[in-house]
Amino acid sequence: MAQNKRAFSPEFREAAVREVVDKSRPVPDVARACGVTGQTIRNWIREFRAERDVADSADSELSIGERARVKELERRVRELEEENEFLGKSVAFFAKKHR
């Protein structure tokens, strides 16, 4: 059975990796959005980190508990940003409605 290998641009790969690494989005969500498998995203993340020599020098200095806390705080910030965006849209909608 022949498999078709799709080629993705370095920019596309980096954007997908940054969604996971910088924005702490789950790999399966990013994979679905990009139309690739989760393992493909994980491979890209591994390559990305290898290119940067050290996974994250700042993260390597953090304990496991501190890393978990940072990840939780990043998740909370993301949620609050989404809520803030929603509220801004709601205010605009109701301001427009009451004119």
N, C-alpha and C. Protein backbone atom coordinates (compact mmCIF):
# COMPACT_ATOMS: atom_id res chain seq x y z
N MET A 1 0.85 -1.17 0.00
CA MET A 1 0.00 0.00 0.00
C MET A 1 0.89 1.24 0.00
N ALA A 2 0.71 2.08 -0.97
CA ALA A 2 1.51 3.30 -1.09
C ALA A 2 0.92 4.40 -0.22
N GLN A 3 1.83 5.15 0.42
CA GLN A 3 1.38 6.26 1.25
C GLN A 3 1.81 7.56 0.59
N ASN A 4 0.94 8.53 0.61
CA ASN A 4 1.27 9.85 0.08
C ASN A 4 1.88 10.67 1.19
N LYS A 5 3.11 11.13 0.98
CA LYS A 5 3.74 12.00 1.97
C LYS A 5 3.47 13.42 1.56
N ARG A 6 2.87 14.16 2.46
CA ARG A 6 2.60 15.56 2.19
C ARG A 6 3.76 16.39 2.72
N ALA A 7 4.10 17.41 1.99
CA ALA A 7 5.17 18.31 2.43
C ALA A 7 4.54 19.57 3.00
N PHE A 8 5.05 19.98 4.14
CA PHE A 8 4.55 21.19 4.78
C PHE A 8 5.69 22.19 4.86
N SER A 9 5.35 23.45 4.67
CA SER A 9 6.38 24.49 4.70
C SER A 9 6.92 24.64 6.12
N PRO A 10 8.15 25.11 6.24
CA PRO A 10 8.72 25.35 7.58
C PRO A 10 7.88 26.34 8.39
N GLU A 11 7.27 27.30 7.71
CA GLU A 11 6.44 28.28 8.41
C GLU A 11 5.20 27.61 9.00
N PHE A 12 4.59 26.72 8.23
CA PHE A 12 3.41 25.99 8.70
C PHE A 12 3.76 25.15 9.91
N ARG A 13 4.89 24.43 9.82
CA ARG A 13 5.33 23.59 10.92
C ARG A 13 5.59 24.41 12.18
N GLU A 14 6.29 25.53 11.99
CA GLU A 14 6.63 26.37 13.14
C GLU A 14 5.37 26.95 13.78
N ALA A 15 4.40 27.35 12.98
CA ALA A 15 3.16 27.89 13.52
C ALA A 15 2.44 26.83 14.36
N ALA A 16 2.41 25.60 13.87
CA ALA A 16 1.76 24.52 14.61
C ALA A 16 2.49 24.23 15.92
N VAL A 17 3.82 24.19 15.85
CA VAL A 17 4.62 23.93 17.04
C VAL A 17 4.44 25.04 18.06
N ARG A 18 4.41 26.28 17.61
CA ARG A 18 4.26 27.41 18.53
C ARG A 18 2.90 27.39 19.22
N GLU A 19 1.87 26.88 18.54
CA GLU A 19 0.56 26.75 19.18
C GLU A 19 0.65 25.86 20.41
N VAL A 20 1.43 24.78 20.29
CA VAL A 20 1.58 23.85 21.41
C VAL A 20 2.56 24.38 22.44
N VAL A 21 3.72 24.83 21.99
CA VAL A 21 4.79 25.22 22.90
C VAL A 21 4.50 26.54 23.59
N ASP A 22 4.15 27.56 22.84
CA ASP A 22 3.96 28.89 23.41
C ASP A 22 2.58 29.10 24.01
N LYS A 23 1.55 28.57 23.36
CA LYS A 23 0.18 28.82 23.82
C LYS A 23 -0.38 27.67 24.65
N SER A 24 0.41 26.61 24.84
CA SER A 24 0.01 25.46 25.66
C SER A 24 -1.29 24.81 25.20
N ARG A 25 -1.52 24.81 23.89
CA ARG A 25 -2.70 24.12 23.36
C ARG A 25 -2.41 22.63 23.29
N PRO A 26 -3.39 21.78 23.50
CA PRO A 26 -3.19 20.33 23.43
C PRO A 26 -2.81 19.89 22.01
N VAL A 27 -1.91 18.93 21.94
CA VAL A 27 -1.44 18.42 20.64
C VAL A 27 -2.60 17.92 19.78
N PRO A 28 -3.55 17.14 20.31
CA PRO A 28 -4.65 16.66 19.45
C PRO A 28 -5.47 17.80 18.83
N ASP A 29 -5.68 18.88 19.59
CA ASP A 29 -6.44 20.01 19.05
C ASP A 29 -5.71 20.67 17.89
N VAL A 30 -4.41 20.88 18.07
CA VAL A 30 -3.60 21.51 17.02
C VAL A 30 -3.53 20.58 15.81
N ALA A 31 -3.37 19.29 16.05
CA ALA A 31 -3.29 18.32 14.95
C ALA A 31 -4.58 18.35 14.12
N ARG A 32 -5.73 18.36 14.80
CA ARG A 32 -7.01 18.41 14.08
C ARG A 32 -7.12 19.69 13.26
N ALA A 33 -6.74 20.81 13.87
CA ALA A 33 -6.84 22.10 13.18
C ALA A 33 -5.92 22.15 11.96
N CYS A 34 -4.78 21.48 12.04
CA CYS A 34 -3.81 21.51 10.94
C CYS A 34 -4.05 20.39 9.92
N GLY A 35 -4.86 19.42 10.27
CA GLY A 35 -5.13 18.32 9.35
C GLY A 35 -4.02 17.30 9.29
N VAL A 36 -3.31 17.12 10.42
CA VAL A 36 -2.24 16.12 10.50
C VAL A 36 -2.48 15.27 11.74
N THR A 37 -1.65 14.25 11.93
CA THR A 37 -1.79 13.40 13.11
C THR A 37 -1.06 14.02 14.30
N GLY A 38 -1.45 13.58 15.48
CA GLY A 38 -0.79 14.05 16.69
C GLY A 38 0.69 13.69 16.70
N GLN A 39 1.02 12.51 16.18
CA GLN A 39 2.42 12.09 16.16
C GLN A 39 3.25 13.00 15.26
N THR A 40 2.67 13.48 14.18
CA THR A 40 3.38 14.41 13.30
C THR A 40 3.72 15.68 14.05
N ILE A 41 2.75 16.21 14.80
CA ILE A 41 3.00 17.42 15.59
C ILE A 41 4.09 17.15 16.62
N ARG A 42 4.02 16.00 17.29
CA ARG A 42 5.05 15.66 18.29
C ARG A 42 6.43 15.57 17.65
N ASN A 43 6.51 15.01 16.45
CA ASN A 43 7.79 14.95 15.74
C ASN A 43 8.31 16.35 15.44
N TRP A 44 7.43 17.23 15.00
CA TRP A 44 7.82 18.60 14.70
C TRP A 44 8.30 19.32 15.96
N ILE A 45 7.63 19.05 17.09
CA ILE A 45 8.05 19.67 18.35
C ILE A 45 9.44 19.17 18.73
N ARG A 46 9.68 17.88 18.59
CA ARG A 46 11.00 17.32 18.91
C ARG A 46 12.08 17.95 18.03
N GLU A 47 11.81 18.09 16.73
CA GLU A 47 12.77 18.73 15.83
C GLU A 47 12.99 20.19 16.20
N PHE A 48 11.91 20.88 16.53
CA PHE A 48 11.99 22.29 16.91
C PHE A 48 12.89 22.47 18.13
N ARG A 49 12.68 21.63 19.13
CA ARG A 49 13.49 21.73 20.35
C ARG A 49 14.94 21.33 20.10
N ALA A 50 15.16 20.35 19.23
CA ALA A 50 16.53 19.95 18.92
C ALA A 50 17.28 21.08 18.22
N GLU A 51 16.59 21.81 17.36
CA GLU A 51 17.21 22.93 16.66
C GLU A 51 17.59 24.05 17.62
N ARG A 52 16.85 24.17 18.67
CA ARG A 52 17.12 25.24 19.64
C ARG A 52 18.17 24.81 20.66
N ASP A 53 18.81 23.64 20.45
CA ASP A 53 19.85 23.07 21.31
C ASP A 53 19.30 22.60 22.65
N VAL A 54 18.78 23.48 23.42
CA VAL A 54 18.26 23.13 24.73
C VAL A 54 16.76 23.35 24.69
N ALA A 55 16.00 22.41 25.20
CA ALA A 55 14.53 22.49 25.13
C ALA A 55 14.04 23.87 25.55
N ASP A 56 14.37 24.30 26.67
CA ASP A 56 14.12 25.66 27.16
C ASP A 56 15.03 25.82 28.36
N SER A 57 16.05 26.62 28.23
CA SER A 57 17.01 26.74 29.32
C SER A 57 16.32 27.24 30.59
N ALA A 58 15.34 28.11 30.45
CA ALA A 58 14.62 28.60 31.63
C ALA A 58 13.80 27.47 32.25
N ASP A 59 13.16 26.65 31.42
CA ASP A 59 12.36 25.55 31.95
C ASP A 59 13.22 24.49 32.61
N SER A 60 14.42 24.27 32.10
CA SER A 60 15.27 23.25 32.69
C SER A 60 15.72 23.65 34.09
N GLU A 61 15.66 24.94 34.41
CA GLU A 61 16.03 25.40 35.74
C GLU A 61 14.86 25.29 36.72
N LEU A 62 13.66 25.06 36.22
CA LEU A 62 12.48 24.98 37.06
C LEU A 62 12.26 23.55 37.54
N SER A 63 11.73 23.43 38.74
CA SER A 63 11.38 22.10 39.23
C SER A 63 10.10 21.64 38.55
N ILE A 64 9.76 20.39 38.75
CA ILE A 64 8.56 19.83 38.13
C ILE A 64 7.32 20.57 38.63
N GLY A 65 7.28 20.85 39.93
CA GLY A 65 6.14 21.58 40.49
C GLY A 65 6.02 22.98 39.92
N GLU A 66 7.16 23.65 39.73
CA GLU A 66 7.14 24.99 39.17
C GLU A 66 6.68 24.98 37.72
N ARG A 67 7.14 23.98 36.96
CA ARG A 67 6.70 23.86 35.57
C ARG A 67 5.20 23.64 35.48
N ALA A 68 4.68 22.79 36.38
CA ALA A 68 3.24 22.54 36.39
C ALA A 68 2.48 23.83 36.72
N ARG A 69 3.00 24.58 37.66
CA ARG A 69 2.36 25.85 38.05
C ARG A 69 2.37 26.84 36.88
N VAL A 70 3.50 26.93 36.18
CA VAL A 70 3.60 27.83 35.03
C VAL A 70 2.60 27.41 33.95
N LYS A 71 2.52 26.11 33.70
CA LYS A 71 1.59 25.62 32.68
C LYS A 71 0.14 25.95 33.08
N GLU A 72 -0.19 25.77 34.35
CA GLU A 72 -1.54 26.09 34.83
C GLU A 72 -1.82 27.58 34.69
N LEU A 73 -0.85 28.42 35.02
CA LEU A 73 -1.04 29.86 34.90
C LEU A 73 -1.19 30.27 33.44
N GLU A 74 -0.43 29.66 32.54
CA GLU A 74 -0.57 29.95 31.11
C GLU A 74 -1.96 29.58 30.62
N ARG A 75 -2.48 28.44 31.09
CA ARG A 75 -3.82 28.01 30.71
C ARG A 75 -4.85 29.02 31.21
N ARG A 76 -4.68 29.47 32.45
CA ARG A 76 -5.61 30.43 33.04
C ARG A 76 -5.58 31.76 32.29
N VAL A 77 -4.38 32.22 31.92
CA VAL A 77 -4.25 33.46 31.15
C VAL A 77 -4.97 33.32 29.82
N ARG A 78 -4.81 32.18 29.16
CA ARG A 78 -5.47 31.94 27.88
C ARG A 78 -6.99 32.00 28.04
N GLU A 79 -7.51 31.37 29.11
CA GLU A 79 -8.95 31.41 29.37
C GLU A 79 -9.44 32.83 29.60
N LEU A 80 -8.70 33.59 30.40
CA LEU A 80 -9.10 34.96 30.70
C LEU A 80 -9.05 35.84 29.45
N GLU A 81 -8.07 35.61 28.59
CA GLU A 81 -8.00 36.38 27.34
C GLU A 81 -9.20 36.07 26.47
N GLU A 82 -9.61 34.80 26.41
CA GLU A 82 -10.78 34.43 25.62
C GLU A 82 -12.05 35.05 26.21
N GLU A 83 -12.17 35.03 27.53
CA GLU A 83 -13.33 35.65 28.17
C GLU A 83 -13.37 37.16 27.91
N ASN A 84 -12.20 37.79 27.98
CA ASN A 84 -12.10 39.22 27.74
C ASN A 84 -12.52 39.56 26.31
N GLU A 85 -12.08 38.76 25.37
CA GLU A 85 -12.45 38.97 23.97
C GLU A 85 -13.97 38.82 23.79
N PHE A 86 -14.54 37.80 24.42
CA PHE A 86 -15.99 37.58 24.34
C PHE A 86 -16.74 38.77 24.93
N LEU A 87 -16.30 39.24 26.09
CA LEU A 87 -16.98 40.36 26.72
C LEU A 87 -16.88 41.62 25.87
N GLY A 88 -15.74 41.83 25.24
CA GLY A 88 -15.60 42.98 24.35
C GLY A 88 -16.58 42.92 23.19
N LYS A 89 -16.74 41.74 22.63
CA LYS A 89 -17.69 41.57 21.52
C LYS A 89 -19.12 41.76 22.01
N SER A 90 -19.40 41.28 23.23
CA SER A 90 -20.75 41.44 23.79
C SER A 90 -21.09 42.90 24.00
N VAL A 91 -20.15 43.65 24.53
CA VAL A 91 -20.38 45.08 24.77
C VAL A 91 -20.63 45.79 23.44
N ALA A 92 -19.85 45.45 22.44
CA ALA A 92 -20.03 46.07 21.13
C ALA A 92 -21.40 45.73 20.56
N PHE A 93 -21.82 44.49 20.73
CA PHE A 93 -23.13 44.08 20.22
C PHE A 93 -24.25 44.85 20.89
N PHE A 94 -24.23 44.93 22.23
CA PHE A 94 -25.31 45.61 22.94
C PHE A 94 -25.26 47.13 22.74
N ALA A 95 -24.07 47.68 22.58
CA ALA A 95 -23.98 49.12 22.32
C ALA A 95 -24.58 49.41 20.96
N LYS A 96 -24.34 48.55 20.01
CA LYS A 96 -24.89 48.72 18.67
C LYS A 96 -26.41 48.56 18.67
N LYS A 97 -26.90 47.63 19.48
CA LYS A 97 -28.32 47.33 19.55
C LYS A 97 -29.13 48.49 20.16
N HIS A 98 -28.54 49.21 21.10
CA HIS A 98 -29.27 50.26 21.82
C HIS A 98 -29.14 51.64 21.18
N ARG A 99 -28.61 51.73 20.01
CA ARG A 99 -28.50 53.05 19.35
C ARG A 99 -29.79 53.47 18.76
